[in-house]
Structure formats: structure tokens, C-alpha cells
C-alpha atoms as a PDB file:
ATOM      1  CA  MET A   1      -5.148-141.197  12.954  1.00  0.00           C
ATOM      2  CA  THR A   2      -6.185-137.636  12.603  1.00  0.00           C
ATOM      3  CA  GLU A   3      -3.945-134.805  13.592  1.00  0.00           C
ATOM      4  CA  THR A   4      -3.146-134.613  17.346  1.00  0.00           C
ATOM      5  CA  THR A   5      -4.830-131.447  18.949  1.00  0.00           C
ATOM      6  CA  VAL A   6      -2.311-129.946  21.454  1.00  0.00           C
ATOM      7  CA  PRO A   7      -4.254-130.200  24.922  1.00  0.00           C
ATOM      8  CA  PRO A   8      -4.817-126.833  26.351  1.00  0.00           C
ATOM      9  CA  GLY A   9      -1.889-125.318  28.531  1.00  0.00           C
ATOM     10  CA  VAL A  10       0.751-127.544  26.966  1.00  0.00           C
ATOM     11  CA  PRO A  11       3.706-125.169  25.519  1.00  0.00           C
ATOM     12  CA  ALA A  12       4.929-127.780  23.081  1.00  0.00           C
ATOM     13  CA  PRO A  13       4.563-127.502  19.153  1.00  0.00           C
ATOM     14  CA  ALA A  14       1.613-129.574  17.733  1.00  0.00           C
ATOM     15  CA  GLU A  15       4.108-131.611  15.596  1.00  0.00           C
ATOM     16  CA  PHE A  16       5.723-132.724  18.760  1.00  0.00           C
ATOM     17  CA  VAL A  17       2.617-133.805  20.504  1.00  0.00           C
ATOM     18  CA  HIS A  18       1.456-135.655  17.366  1.00  0.00           C
ATOM     19  CA  ALA A  19       4.630-137.426  16.776  1.00  0.00           C
ATOM     20  CA  ALA A  20       5.140-138.428  20.495  1.00  0.00           C
ATOM     21  CA  ARG A  21       1.864-139.902  20.648  1.00  0.00           C
ATOM     22  CA  LEU A  22       2.043-141.711  17.394  1.00  0.00           C
ATOM     23  CA  ALA A  23       5.393-143.282  18.813  1.00  0.00           C
ATOM     24  CA  LEU A  24       3.634-144.503  21.876  1.00  0.00           C
ATOM     25  CA  SER A  25       0.552-145.852  20.054  1.00  0.00           C
ATOM     26  CA  ARG A  26       2.133-147.073  17.163  1.00  0.00           C
ATOM     27  CA  THR A  27       5.697-148.129  18.406  1.00  0.00           C
ATOM     28  CA  PRO A  28       7.827-149.355  15.682  1.00  0.00           C
ATOM     29  CA  GLU A  29       9.165-152.826  15.790  1.00  0.00           C
ATOM     30  CA  GLY A  30      12.630-153.469  17.659  1.00  0.00           C
ATOM     31  CA  VAL A  31      11.891-150.532  20.172  1.00  0.00           C
ATOM     32  CA  ASP A  32      12.998-151.648  23.812  1.00  0.00           C
ATOM     33  CA  PRO A  33       9.802-151.936  25.929  1.00  0.00           C
ATOM     34  CA  TRP A  34      11.069-149.617  28.641  1.00  0.00           C
ATOM     35  CA  PHE A  35      10.439-146.752  25.946  1.00  0.00           C
ATOM     36  CA  HIS A  36       6.683-146.801  27.283  1.00  0.00           C
ATOM     37  CA  GLN A  37       7.829-147.210  30.943  1.00  0.00           C
ATOM     38  CA  TYR A  38       9.881-143.787  30.212  1.00  0.00           C
ATOM     39  CA  ASN A  39       7.445-141.896  28.116  1.00  0.00           C
ATOM     40  CA  GLY A  40       4.047-143.166  28.880  1.00  0.00           C
ATOM     41  CA  GLU A  41       2.968-140.126  30.544  1.00  0.00           C
ATOM     42  CA  LEU A  42       2.732-138.173  27.411  1.00  0.00           C
ATOM     43  CA  LEU A  43      -0.384-139.920  26.283  1.00  0.00           C
ATOM     44  CA  ASP A  44      -2.149-138.201  29.316  1.00  0.00           C
ATOM     45  CA  ASP A  45      -3.240-134.650  28.818  1.00  0.00           C
ATOM     46  CA  ARG A  46      -2.351-133.631  32.097  1.00  0.00           C
ATOM     47  CA  ARG A  47       1.053-135.414  32.459  1.00  0.00           C
ATOM     48  CA  LEU A  48       2.011-134.251  29.144  1.00  0.00           C
ATOM     49  CA  ARG A  49       1.063-130.743  30.421  1.00  0.00           C
ATOM     50  CA  THR A  50       3.493-130.908  33.501  1.00  0.00           C
ATOM     51  CA  TRP A  51       6.299-132.835  31.577  1.00  0.00           C
ATOM     52  CA  VAL A  52       6.268-129.836  28.767  1.00  0.00           C
ATOM     53  CA  ARG A  53       6.219-127.184  31.363  1.00  0.00           C
ATOM     54  CA  ALA A  54       8.848-128.624  33.584  1.00  0.00           C
ATOM     55  CA  LYS A  55      11.275-128.641  30.514  1.00  0.00           C
ATOM     56  CA  ARG A  56       9.917-125.089  29.460  1.00  0.00           C
ATOM     57  CA  GLN A  57      10.842-123.635  33.124  1.00  0.00           C
ATOM     58  CA  LEU A  58      14.253-125.574  32.990  1.00  0.00           C
ATOM     59  CA  PHE A  59      15.260-123.991  29.654  1.00  0.00           C
ATOM     60  CA  ASP A  60      13.957-120.719  30.813  1.00  0.00           C
ATOM     61  CA  LEU A  61      16.722-120.553  33.201  1.00  0.00           C
ATOM     62  CA  ILE A  62      19.258-120.160  30.035  1.00  0.00           C
ATOM     63  CA  GLY A  63      17.082-118.012  27.820  1.00  0.00           C
ATOM     64  CA  GLY A  64      15.549-120.808  25.858  1.00  0.00           C
ATOM     65  CA  VAL A  65      17.386-123.167  23.291  1.00  0.00           C
ATOM     66  CA  ARG A  66      16.306-121.604  20.094  1.00  0.00           C
ATOM     67  CA  ASP A  67      19.111-121.359  17.417  1.00  0.00           C
ATOM     68  CA  LYS A  68      21.452-123.122  19.841  1.00  0.00           C
ATOM     69  CA  VAL A  69      23.475-126.035  19.564  1.00  0.00           C
ATOM     70  CA  VAL A  70      22.709-128.515  22.209  1.00  0.00           C
ATOM     71  CA  VAL A  71      24.250-131.694  23.588  1.00  0.00           C
ATOM     72  CA  ASP A  72      21.772-133.944  25.489  1.00  0.00           C
ATOM     73  CA  ALA A  73      24.123-135.830  27.751  1.00  0.00           C
ATOM     74  CA  GLY A  74      22.345-139.187  28.693  1.00  0.00           C
ATOM     75  CA  SER A  75      19.475-138.671  26.320  1.00  0.00           C
ATOM     76  CA  GLY A  76      17.690-141.951  27.264  1.00  0.00           C
ATOM     77  CA  PHE A  77      14.969-142.591  24.558  1.00  0.00           C
ATOM     78  CA  GLY A  78      15.457-139.187  23.241  1.00  0.00           C
ATOM     79  CA  MET A  79      11.875-137.388  23.867  1.00  0.00           C
ATOM     80  CA  VAL A  80      13.785-134.242  25.245  1.00  0.00           C
ATOM     81  CA  SER A  81      16.154-133.994  22.562  1.00  0.00           C
ATOM     82  CA  ASN A  82      13.084-134.032  20.412  1.00  0.00           C
ATOM     83  CA  LEU A  83      11.436-131.520  22.179  1.00  0.00           C
ATOM     84  CA  VAL A  84      14.317-129.153  21.936  1.00  0.00           C
ATOM     85  CA  GLY A  85      14.603-129.820  18.368  1.00  0.00           C
ATOM     86  CA  CYS A  86      10.843-129.014  18.058  1.00  0.00           C
ATOM     87  CA  TRP A  87      11.274-125.855  20.190  1.00  0.00           C
ATOM     88  CA  GLY A  88      13.741-124.359  17.516  1.00  0.00           C
ATOM     89  CA  ALA A  89      17.416-125.640  18.669  1.00  0.00           C
ATOM     90  CA  ARG A  90      19.804-125.410  15.581  1.00  0.00           C
ATOM     91  CA  HIS A  91      21.202-128.766  16.074  1.00  0.00           C
ATOM     92  CA  VAL A  92      20.619-131.313  19.080  1.00  0.00           C
ATOM     93  CA  CYS A  93      23.239-134.095  19.931  1.00  0.00           C
ATOM     94  CA  ALA A  94      21.612-136.930  21.749  1.00  0.00           C
ATOM     95  CA  VAL A  95      24.345-138.737  23.347  1.00  0.00           C
ATOM     96  CA  GLU A  96      23.281-141.991  25.301  1.00  0.00           C
ATOM     97  CA  VAL A  97      25.916-145.001  26.305  1.00  0.00           C
ATOM     98  CA  HIS A  98      22.782-147.571  26.527  1.00  0.00           C
ATOM     99  CA  THR A  99      22.742-149.100  22.998  1.00  0.00           C
ATOM    100  CA  PRO A 100      18.931-150.122  23.350  1.00  0.00           C
ATOM    101  CA  MET A 101      18.072-146.823  24.058  1.00  0.00           C
ATOM    102  CA  ALA A 102      20.159-145.012  21.814  1.00  0.00           C
ATOM    103  CA  GLU A 103      18.712-147.584  19.036  1.00  0.00           C
ATOM    104  CA  SER A 104      15.018-147.193  20.085  1.00  0.00           C
ATOM    105  CA  HIS A 105      15.525-143.383  19.742  1.00  0.00           C
ATOM    106  CA  ALA A 106      16.618-143.856  16.096  1.00  0.00           C
ATOM    107  CA  ARG A 107      13.799-146.150  15.167  1.00  0.00           C
ATOM    108  CA  VAL A 108      11.388-143.802  16.698  1.00  0.00           C
ATOM    109  CA  ASN A 109      12.689-140.766  14.933  1.00  0.00           C
ATOM    110  CA  ALA A 110      12.871-142.521  11.576  1.00  0.00           C
ATOM    111  CA  ALA A 111       9.218-143.581  11.978  1.00  0.00           C
ATOM    112  CA  TRP A 112       7.586-140.606  13.411  1.00  0.00           C
ATOM    113  CA  PHE A 113       9.685-137.643  13.640  1.00  0.00           C
ATOM    114  CA  PRO A 114      11.414-137.415  10.014  1.00  0.00           C
ATOM    115  CA  PHE A 115      10.968-133.608  10.124  1.00  0.00           C
ATOM    116  CA  LEU A 116      13.756-133.805  12.672  1.00  0.00           C
ATOM    117  CA  VAL A 117      16.193-135.050  10.232  1.00  0.00           C
ATOM    118  CA  GLY A 118      19.163-132.888   9.952  1.00  0.00           C
ATOM    119  CA  ARG A 119      18.497-131.182  13.492  1.00  0.00           C
ATOM    120  CA  VAL A 120      18.258-134.135  15.861  1.00  0.00           C
ATOM    121  CA  PHE A 121      21.327-136.445  15.749  1.00  0.00           C
ATOM    122  CA  GLY A 122      21.629-139.335  18.023  1.00  0.00           C
ATOM    123  CA  LEU A 123      25.245-140.449  18.829  1.00  0.00           C
ATOM    124  CA  ARG A 124      26.183-143.680  20.886  1.00  0.00           C
ATOM    125  CA  GLY A 125      28.688-142.339  23.438  1.00  0.00           C
ATOM    126  CA  ASP A 126      29.600-141.755  27.254  1.00  0.00           C
ATOM    127  CA  ALA A 127      29.059-138.456  28.886  1.00  0.00           C
ATOM    128  CA  SER A 128      32.399-138.634  30.214  1.00  0.00           C
ATOM    129  CA  HIS A 129      33.760-138.531  26.760  1.00  0.00           C
ATOM    130  CA  LEU A 130      31.669-136.601  24.775  1.00  0.00           C
ATOM    131  CA  PRO A 131      32.118-137.366  20.993  1.00  0.00           C
ATOM    132  CA  ILE A 132      31.889-133.542  20.115  1.00  0.00           C
ATOM    133  CA  ARG A 133      34.492-131.025  18.838  1.00  0.00           C
ATOM    134  CA  ASN A 134      35.943-128.483  21.012  1.00  0.00           C
ATOM    135  CA  ALA A 135      34.380-125.304  22.126  1.00  0.00           C
ATOM    136  CA  SER A 136      31.308-126.024  19.284  1.00  0.00           C
ATOM    137  CA  THR A 137      28.261-126.125  21.701  1.00  0.00           C
ATOM    138  CA  ASP A 138      26.000-123.717  23.117  1.00  0.00           C
ATOM    139  CA  VAL A 139      24.262-125.709  25.901  1.00  0.00           C
ATOM    140  CA  VAL A 140      24.940-129.169  27.462  1.00  0.00           C
ATOM    141  CA  LEU A 141      21.836-130.565  29.106  1.00  0.00           C
ATOM    142  CA  SER A 142      22.080-133.234  31.853  1.00  0.00           C
ATOM    143  CA  ILE A 143      18.320-134.300  32.871  1.00  0.00           C
ATOM    144  CA  GLU A 144      17.806-136.949  35.218  1.00  0.00           C
ATOM    145  CA  ALA A 145      21.180-138.394  34.057  1.00  0.00           C
ATOM    146  CA  ILE A 146      24.162-137.141  36.214  1.00  0.00           C
ATOM    147  CA  SER A 147      22.896-139.673  38.881  1.00  0.00           C
ATOM    148  CA  HIS A 148      23.990-142.332  36.371  1.00  0.00           C
ATOM    149  CA  TYR A 149      27.386-141.086  35.371  1.00  0.00           C
ATOM    150  CA  TYR A 150      30.316-143.090  36.443  1.00  0.00           C
ATOM    151  CA  ASP A 151      32.817-140.281  36.547  1.00  0.00           C
ATOM    152  CA  VAL A 152      31.040-137.117  36.761  1.00  0.00           C
ATOM    153  CA  ASP A 153      34.431-134.970  37.157  1.00  0.00           C
ATOM    154  CA  ALA A 154      34.957-136.353  33.615  1.00  0.00           C
ATOM    155  CA  PHE A 155      31.930-135.216  32.564  1.00  0.00           C
ATOM    156  CA  LEU A 156      32.138-131.665  33.932  1.00  0.00           C
ATOM    157  CA  ALA A 157      35.487-131.419  32.428  1.00  0.00           C
ATOM    158  CA  GLU A 158      34.008-132.463  29.094  1.00  0.00           C
ATOM    159  CA  CYS A 159      31.348-129.671  29.499  1.00  0.00           C
ATOM    160  CA  ALA A 160      34.280-126.990  29.782  1.00  0.00           C
ATOM    161  CA  ARG A 161      36.086-128.497  26.903  1.00  0.00           C
ATOM    162  CA  VAL A 162      32.805-128.602  24.440  1.00  0.00           C
ATOM    163  CA  LEU A 163      31.268-125.507  25.436  1.00  0.00           C
ATOM    164  CA  ARG A 164      31.875-121.966  23.531  1.00  0.00           C
ATOM    165  CA  PRO A 165      32.625-118.923  25.962  1.00  0.00           C
ATOM    166  CA  GLY A 166      28.986-118.044  27.097  1.00  0.00           C
ATOM    167  CA  GLY A 167      27.665-121.578  26.581  1.00  0.00           C
ATOM    168  CA  HIS A 168      25.433-123.034  29.610  1.00  0.00           C
ATOM    169  CA  VAL A 169      25.470-126.334  31.466  1.00  0.00           C
ATOM    170  CA  VAL A 170      21.958-126.931  32.777  1.00  0.00           C
ATOM    171  CA  ILE A 171      21.825-130.038  35.460  1.00  0.00           C
ATOM    172  CA  SER A 172      18.377-131.206  36.676  1.00  0.00           C
ATOM    173  CA  ASP A 173      18.078-134.325  39.124  1.00  0.00           C
ATOM    174  CA  GLY A 174      15.891-135.571  41.728  1.00  0.00           C
ATOM    175  CA  ASN A 175      18.518-137.251  43.942  1.00  0.00           C
ATOM    176  CA  ASN A 176      19.162-134.404  46.280  1.00  0.00           C
ATOM    177  CA  GLY A 177      21.934-135.524  48.811  1.00  0.00           C
ATOM    178  CA  ALA A 178      21.671-132.274  50.873  1.00  0.00           C
ATOM    179  CA  ASN A 179      18.054-133.829  51.856  1.00  0.00           C
ATOM    180  CA  SER A 180      19.068-136.336  54.814  1.00  0.00           C
ATOM    181  CA  ARG A 181      15.666-137.975  54.323  1.00  0.00           C
ATOM    182  CA  ILE A 182      16.363-138.767  50.580  1.00  0.00           C
ATOM    183  CA  ARG A 183      19.865-139.793  51.381  1.00  0.00           C
ATOM    184  CA  ALA A 184      18.528-142.379  54.011  1.00  0.00           C
ATOM    185  CA  THR A 185      16.215-143.818  51.548  1.00  0.00           C
ATOM    186  CA  THR A 186      18.714-143.684  48.631  1.00  0.00           C
ATOM    187  CA  LEU A 187      21.145-145.691  50.904  1.00  0.00           C
ATOM    188  CA  GLU A 188      18.712-148.523  51.269  1.00  0.00           C
ATOM    189  CA  LEU A 189      17.741-148.283  47.417  1.00  0.00           C
ATOM    190  CA  TRP A 190      21.518-148.838  46.620  1.00  0.00           C
ATOM    191  CA  ARG A 191      21.633-151.766  48.842  1.00  0.00           C
ATOM    192  CA  ARG A 192      18.621-153.486  47.092  1.00  0.00           C
ATOM    193  CA  PHE A 193      19.972-152.506  43.668  1.00  0.00           C
ATOM    194  CA  GLU A 194      23.186-154.565  44.416  1.00  0.00           C
ATOM    195  CA  LEU A 195      21.681-157.571  46.327  1.00  0.00           C
ATOM    196  CA  GLY A 196      18.110-157.530  45.720  1.00  0.00           C
ATOM    197  CA  PRO A 197      15.214-158.371  46.333  1.00  0.00           C
ATOM    198  CA  GLU A 198      13.658-157.436  43.048  1.00  0.00           C
ATOM    199  CA  GLY A 199      10.196-155.548  43.161  1.00  0.00           C
ATOM    200  CA  PRO A 200       8.639-152.518  44.288  1.00  0.00           C
ATOM    201  CA  PHE A 201      10.703-150.024  46.684  1.00  0.00           C
ATOM    202  CA  GLY A 202       9.217-146.508  46.924  1.00  0.00           C
ATOM    203  CA  ASP A 203       8.884-144.851  43.289  1.00  0.00           C
ATOM    204  CA  HIS A 204      11.288-147.657  42.090  1.00  0.00           C
ATOM    205  CA  VAL A 205      11.029-151.129  40.911  1.00  0.00           C
ATOM    206  CA  ILE A 206      14.277-153.052  41.784  1.00  0.00           C
ATOM    207  CA  PRO A 207      15.233-154.859  38.661  1.00  0.00           C
ATOM    208  CA  GLU A 208      17.630-157.993  38.486  1.00  0.00           C
ATOM    209  CA  PRO A 209      20.500-157.072  41.212  1.00  0.00           C
ATOM    210  CA  MET A 210      23.754-156.210  40.268  1.00  0.00           C
ATOM    211  CA  VAL A 211      25.236-159.424  41.925  1.00  0.00           C
ATOM    212  CA  SER A 212      22.981-161.338  39.614  1.00  0.00           C
ATOM    213  CA  ARG A 213      23.975-159.430  36.800  1.00  0.00           C
ATOM    214  CA  ARG A 214      27.694-160.308  37.358  1.00  0.00           C
ATOM    215  CA  GLU A 215      26.935-163.853  37.723  1.00  0.00           C
ATOM    216  CA  ARG A 216      25.591-163.815  34.452  1.00  0.00           C
ATOM    217  CA  VAL A 217      28.937-162.068  33.183  1.00  0.00           C
ATOM    218  CA  LEU A 218      30.959-164.692  34.945  1.00  0.00           C
ATOM    219  CA  ARG A 219      28.872-167.670  33.444  1.00  0.00           C
ATOM    220  CA  GLN A 220      29.148-166.510  29.888  1.00  0.00           C
ATOM    221  CA  SER A 221      32.873-165.640  30.329  1.00  0.00           C
ATOM    222  CA  PHE A 222      33.900-168.679  32.276  1.00  0.00           C
ATOM    223  CA  PRO A 223      31.611-171.575  31.546  1.00  0.00           C
ATOM    224  CA  GLN A 224      33.717-174.038  32.996  1.00  0.00           C
ATOM    225  CA  LEU A 225      33.356-172.580  36.777  1.00  0.00           C
ATOM    226  CA  ASP A 226      30.778-174.355  39.143  1.00  0.00           C
ATOM    227  CA  ALA A 227      27.595-172.469  40.187  1.00  0.00           C
ATOM    228  CA  GLY A 228      28.936-171.885  43.892  1.00  0.00           C
ATOM    229  CA  ARG A 229      32.336-170.514  42.310  1.00  0.00           C
ATOM    230  CA  VAL A 230      30.440-168.096  40.206  1.00  0.00           C
ATOM    231  CA  ALA A 231      28.498-166.821  43.014  1.00  0.00           C
ATOM    232  CA  ALA A 232      31.462-166.468  45.413  1.00  0.00           C
ATOM    233  CA  LEU A 233      33.218-164.230  42.780  1.00  0.00           C
ATOM    234  CA  ALA A 234      30.281-162.275  41.791  1.00  0.00           C
ATOM    235  CA  ARG A 235      30.090-161.483  45.432  1.00  0.00           C
ATOM    236  CA  VAL A 236      33.612-160.138  45.317  1.00  0.00           C
ATOM    237  CA  THR A 237      33.520-158.147  42.107  1.00  0.00           C
ATOM    238  CA  SER A 238      31.224-155.475  43.178  1.00  0.00           C
ATOM    239  CA  GLY A 239      31.433-152.086  41.237  1.00  0.00           C
ATOM    240  CA  MET A 240      33.331-153.762  38.422  1.00  0.00           C
ATOM    241  CA  ASP A 241      32.175-153.555  34.729  1.00  0.00           C
ATOM    242  CA  ARG A 242      32.442-156.526  32.287  1.00  0.00           C
ATOM    243  CA  ALA A 243      36.038-155.805  31.424  1.00  0.00           C
ATOM    244  CA  GLN A 244      37.296-155.575  34.934  1.00  0.00           C
ATOM    245  CA  ILE A 245      35.369-158.667  36.173  1.00  0.00           C
ATOM    246  CA  VAL A 246      37.017-160.758  33.169  1.00  0.00           C
ATOM    247  CA  ALA A 247      40.476-159.470  33.779  1.00  0.00           C
ATOM    248  CA  ALA A 248      40.274-159.998  37.427  1.00  0.00           C
ATOM    249  CA  VAL A 249      39.128-163.373  37.309  1.00  0.00           C
ATOM    250  CA  THR A 250      41.244-164.355  34.426  1.00  0.00           C
ATOM    251  CA  SER A 251      44.246-163.171  36.574  1.00  0.00           C
ATOM    252  CA  HIS A 252      42.632-165.301  39.459  1.00  0.00           C
ATOM    253  CA  LEU A 253      42.471-168.517  37.588  1.00  0.00           C
ATOM    254  CA  ALA A 254      45.924-167.939  36.080  1.00  0.00           C
ATOM    255  CA  GLY A 255      47.277-168.139  39.543  1.00  0.00           C
ATOM    256  CA  GLY A 256      46.859-164.628  41.081  1.00  0.00           C
ATOM    257  CA  PRO A 257      44.886-163.176  44.090  1.00  0.00           C
ATOM    258  CA  ALA A 258      41.402-163.694  43.986  1.00  0.00           C
ATOM    259  CA  PRO A 259      39.233-160.441  43.712  1.00  0.00           C
ATOM    260  CA  THR A 260      38.327-158.551  46.960  1.00  0.00           C
ATOM    261  CA  GLN A 261      36.013-155.906  46.048  1.00  0.00           C
ATOM    262  CA  ALA A 262      32.935-156.838  48.005  1.00  0.00           C
ATOM    263  CA  TYR A 263      30.088-154.905  48.037  1.00  0.00           C
ATOM    264  CA  VAL A 264      30.395-152.015  51.107  1.00  0.00           C
ATOM    265  CA  PRO A 265      26.910-150.603  52.337  1.00  0.00           C
ATOM    266  CA  GLY A 266      26.658-146.830  51.399  1.00  0.00           C
ATOM    267  CA  THR A 267      28.056-147.473  47.944  1.00  0.00           C
ATOM    268  CA  CYS A 268      26.233-146.570  44.755  1.00  0.00           C
ATOM    269  CA  PRO A 269      26.086-149.630  42.751  1.00  0.00           C
ATOM    270  CA  ARG A 270      27.513-150.002  39.078  1.00  0.00           C
ATOM    271  CA  GLU A 271      25.723-151.779  36.340  1.00  0.00           C
ATOM    272  CA  PRO A 272      28.473-154.200  34.691  1.00  0.00           C
ATOM    273  CA  GLU A 273      27.292-154.527  31.277  1.00  0.00           C
ATOM    274  CA  TRP A 274      27.294-150.630  30.406  1.00  0.00           C
ATOM    275  CA  GLY A 275      29.230-149.306  33.424  1.00  0.00           C
ATOM    276  CA  TYR A 276      26.569-146.790  34.545  1.00  0.00           C
ATOM    277  CA  VAL A 277      25.714-146.348  38.276  1.00  0.00           C
ATOM    278  CA  LEU A 278      22.350-146.068  39.611  1.00  0.00           C
ATOM    279  CA  GLU A 279      20.605-143.031  41.689  1.00  0.00           C
ATOM    280  CA  GLN A 280      24.077-141.229  42.687  1.00  0.00           C
ATOM    281  CA  LEU A 281      23.426-138.687  45.167  1.00  0.00           C
ATOM    282  CA  PHE A 282      24.543-134.964  44.906  1.00  0.00           C
ATOM    283  CA  ASP A 283      24.492-131.650  46.749  1.00  0.00           C
ATOM    284  CA  GLY A 284      23.803-129.195  43.799  1.00  0.00           C
ATOM    285  CA  ARG A 285      26.074-126.731  45.440  1.00  0.00           C
ATOM    286  CA  ASP A 286      28.964-129.344  45.259  1.00  0.00           C
ATOM    287  CA  LEU A 287      28.476-129.496  41.455  1.00  0.00           C
ATOM    288  CA  ALA A 288      28.480-125.806  41.110  1.00  0.00           C
ATOM    289  CA  ALA A 289      31.739-125.423  43.290  1.00  0.00           C
ATOM    290  CA  ARG A 290      33.179-128.000  40.901  1.00  0.00           C
ATOM    291  CA  LEU A 291      31.920-126.045  37.692  1.00  0.00           C
ATOM    292  CA  GLU A 292      33.414-122.692  39.332  1.00  0.00           C
ATOM    293  CA  ARG A 293      36.789-124.429  39.510  1.00  0.00           C
ATOM    294  CA  LEU A 294      36.492-125.399  35.733  1.00  0.00           C
ATOM    295  CA  GLY A 295      35.787-121.665  34.629  1.00  0.00           C
ATOM    296  CA  PHE A 296      32.256-121.428  34.845  1.00  0.00           C
ATOM    297  CA  ASP A 297      29.830-119.005  36.968  1.00  0.00           C
ATOM    298  CA  ALA A 298      27.689-121.425  38.662  1.00  0.00           C
ATOM    299  CA  ARG A 299      24.586-121.375  40.939  1.00  0.00           C
ATOM    300  CA  ALA A 300      22.703-124.347  42.591  1.00  0.00           C
ATOM    301  CA  LEU A 301      18.717-124.018  42.719  1.00  0.00           C
ATOM    302  CA  PRO A 302      16.722-126.114  45.342  1.00  0.00           C
ATOM    303  CA  HIS A 303      13.794-127.291  43.332  1.00  0.00           C
ATOM    304  CA  PHE A 304      10.376-128.239  44.869  1.00  0.00           C
ATOM    305  CA  GLY A 305       8.400-128.758  41.581  1.00  0.00           C
ATOM    306  CA  GLY A 306       6.390-126.020  39.654  1.00  0.00           C
ATOM    307  CA  ALA A 307       5.226-127.389  36.676  1.00  0.00           C
ATOM    308  CA  VAL A 308       1.709-128.562  37.728  1.00  0.00           C
ATOM    309  CA  ASN A 309       0.327-125.213  38.032  1.00  0.00           C
ATOM    310  CA  ASP A 310       1.341-121.303  38.286  1.00  0.00           C
ATOM    311  CA  VAL A 311       0.846-121.314  42.059  1.00  0.00           C
ATOM    312  CA  VAL A 312       3.393-124.346  42.726  1.00  0.00           C
ATOM    313  CA  HIS A 313       5.706-122.552  40.100  1.00  0.00           C
ATOM    314  CA  ALA A 314       5.498-119.235  42.291  1.00  0.00           C
ATOM    315  CA  ALA A 315       6.074-121.007  45.238  1.00  0.00           C
ATOM    316  CA  ASN A 316       9.042-122.750  44.037  1.00  0.00           C
ATOM    317  CA  LEU A 317      10.699-119.350  42.678  1.00  0.00           C
ATOM    318  CA  VAL A 318      10.418-117.863  46.155  1.00  0.00           C
ATOM    319  CA  LEU A 319      11.743-121.197  48.010  1.00  0.00           C
ATOM    320  CA  ARG A 320      14.737-121.298  45.490  1.00  0.00           C
ATOM    321  CA  ARG A 321      15.998-117.824  46.913  1.00  0.00           C
ATOM    322  CA  LEU A 322      15.978-119.016  50.399  1.00  0.00           C
ATOM    323  CA  PRO A 323      18.532-121.572  51.974  1.00  0.00           C
ATOM    324  CA  THR A 324      16.283-124.600  51.445  1.00  0.00           C
ATOM    325  CA  HIS A 325      18.553-127.306  50.086  1.00  0.00           C
ATOM    326  CA  ARG A 326      18.194-129.717  52.679  1.00  0.00           C
ATOM    327  CA  TRP A 327      14.362-129.867  52.336  1.00  0.00           C
ATOM    328  CA  ALA A 328      14.127-129.682  48.559  1.00  0.00           C
ATOM    329  CA  ARG A 329      13.418-132.993  46.691  1.00  0.00           C
ATOM    330  CA  ALA A 330      15.354-131.952  43.908  1.00  0.00           C
ATOM    331  CA  TYR A 331      18.141-129.639  42.478  1.00  0.00           C
ATOM    332  CA  ARG A 332      19.130-127.680  39.428  1.00  0.00           C
ATOM    333  CA  VAL A 333      22.468-126.450  38.448  1.00  0.00           C
ATOM    334  CA  VAL A 334      22.947-123.708  35.818  1.00  0.00           C
ATOM    335  CA  ALA A 335      26.469-122.501  34.988  1.00  0.00           C
ATOM    336  CA  ARG A 336      27.838-120.302  32.354  1.00  0.00           C
ATOM    337  CA  ARG A 337      31.243-120.592  30.582  1.00  0.00           C
ATOM    338  CA  ARG A 338      33.590-117.823  31.152  1.00  0.00           C
END
């Protein structure tokens, strides 16, 4: 394949564009199929431009990432981490709890991003227990990830621990809990994530529901139980991870009380294998207040887009200066460690 030309208006280094498109068109063996679902837009010039501009506008809020040590908390398949590395970050620690994503990032980088060796490091870990030394980091990123953290307060405390004085937290997410329409839709999304049915729902595709995943955990751990007992126990272990399910049911089978944790409508579901939650809602102003209490100067910004073109970007800059959180689709939080 010939060297990729960077499409007009895409503010990304040619090496990133070339490697990302090779990764998607000549994907290494063993990469999780969801890699294409998450990153397929990078093959389209217009969507690539929007994706890169969105990241550039986000990092401009903290003066860029060049020469900084960056932690990408919830890095997924690692394309943002790779872009940050290509933009000149000194080191990027891509921290991801979901093993198939972390392993896929490593395979992709070994095949198509060898120039990032020594700059971008993949780490299997939880955002609430970052495998990073105290006061060793300049920037912690959470891009479309905080809605999946099980323990958000622990993550914010970890930001305070790993950042140097003057370091920044940057949070960007589309689940704006201050928007009543988004909240109403998300409550129904939560119910479907927990109970089904599978299939399309708005911008999402409902996968295997959490109650079915818990049934699988129970069948694997307690093969002696019949299907009816498994189904009944799956319904009363909502919100538990694998270890908690096994402990609760083991105790019950030994004569203890049955689990009583049935799903409560309005509760964000939890994936039992990996422990993350699905599409939490946050008001960015609340997150900013929590960071303030941990020693940060923080601000929350309502976000209406702005990466498509300069007109939309200018409109977003105006709207973010107004009290428009209740109408915004998304939010951003930028905080500086005192």
C-alpha cells in the first residue's frame, strides 16, 4: 500500500493517519471485532477530520499534550492514546480494564505503530486503581470513559494522587445528566441493558443483557443448578460482579440467605465479568465540584459539538459561556491540580 495522504483539514500527523488506516484495512489476527465498530470512522475522510478536530479542540483546553506525560484512563482500543503520542506527548500510559481491548491495542501497535514504541505503553488496569506512581503525570484523560467507571470517586481521588501540581484532568462524555431528555432516554436504555431485549435502541445496540450474562456466570460456577434456579438467582444478583455472585450463591447453597439484589428501575447496570457499568449519567458541574474538594481548580463546560466545521465550533464557544448545561448533549470538565 502506498503512503497515505492526509485528507485536507485533518490536523493529524501523516504517520498516524497512515498507521490507523492500515490497522483497519489490514487488521492483525486476534484483534477483537469491535475494533472496527469503534474506529471504522477513521477510514472515511470526513469522519476522520471530525474525530481528529474534536480531540484537538479538547486538548487545546489545556494547551496541548506535547512533551507531557499523559494517562488515558479507559483507553479502549487505544487510538486516542496513539494520536496523543503522535502529537508529541513524552509518554502515554493507555490504561484499559477490558482485556480484549487492551490486548487488541497491543497487537495493533506491534503491527502498525512501531514508531510509538517507548512512547505509548498499554497497561491493563482499573481507572479506580491507576497503576501509576504518585505525582508522576501531567495529564489524565477520560474520553467517553467515565460513564463506564464503577467507582468514580475513587477515579477522581486517583487523579489527585498521580498528577503533579499544575497537572490537568480532562473529562469528556456524551451522557449529560443535566439534560432531562437525555436522562429519560438513558433510564430506558439502562433497563434494556439489564433485561433486554437485544437490538437497536436509538444510537445504541443492546447486546446480551446483564441478566443473561449473570446466568452464564452461574451456569459456569454452579453446573449442578437447574435452569430455573439459575434464572431465579440471576434476577436477584443484579449489580454484582463475578466474584460477588459466586460468593453470594456459595453462601446461600451452604445454608445462608438467598441474594436479594433485584434490579431497581433507574439503576445503571453493571457488567458482571469486568465490573464496569454502562452509560452512567453525570452533571459536569457536580464532577467539577468533587474535583474542587480534592484540591483542583475545576470548570464544567456544556458541549454542543464543534468539530464538524469552524461555524459550529464558534457557536459552541459562545454557548459554553452561557448557563446552557440543561440543553447540552455532552459536557467537558477541565481541572488543574493546585
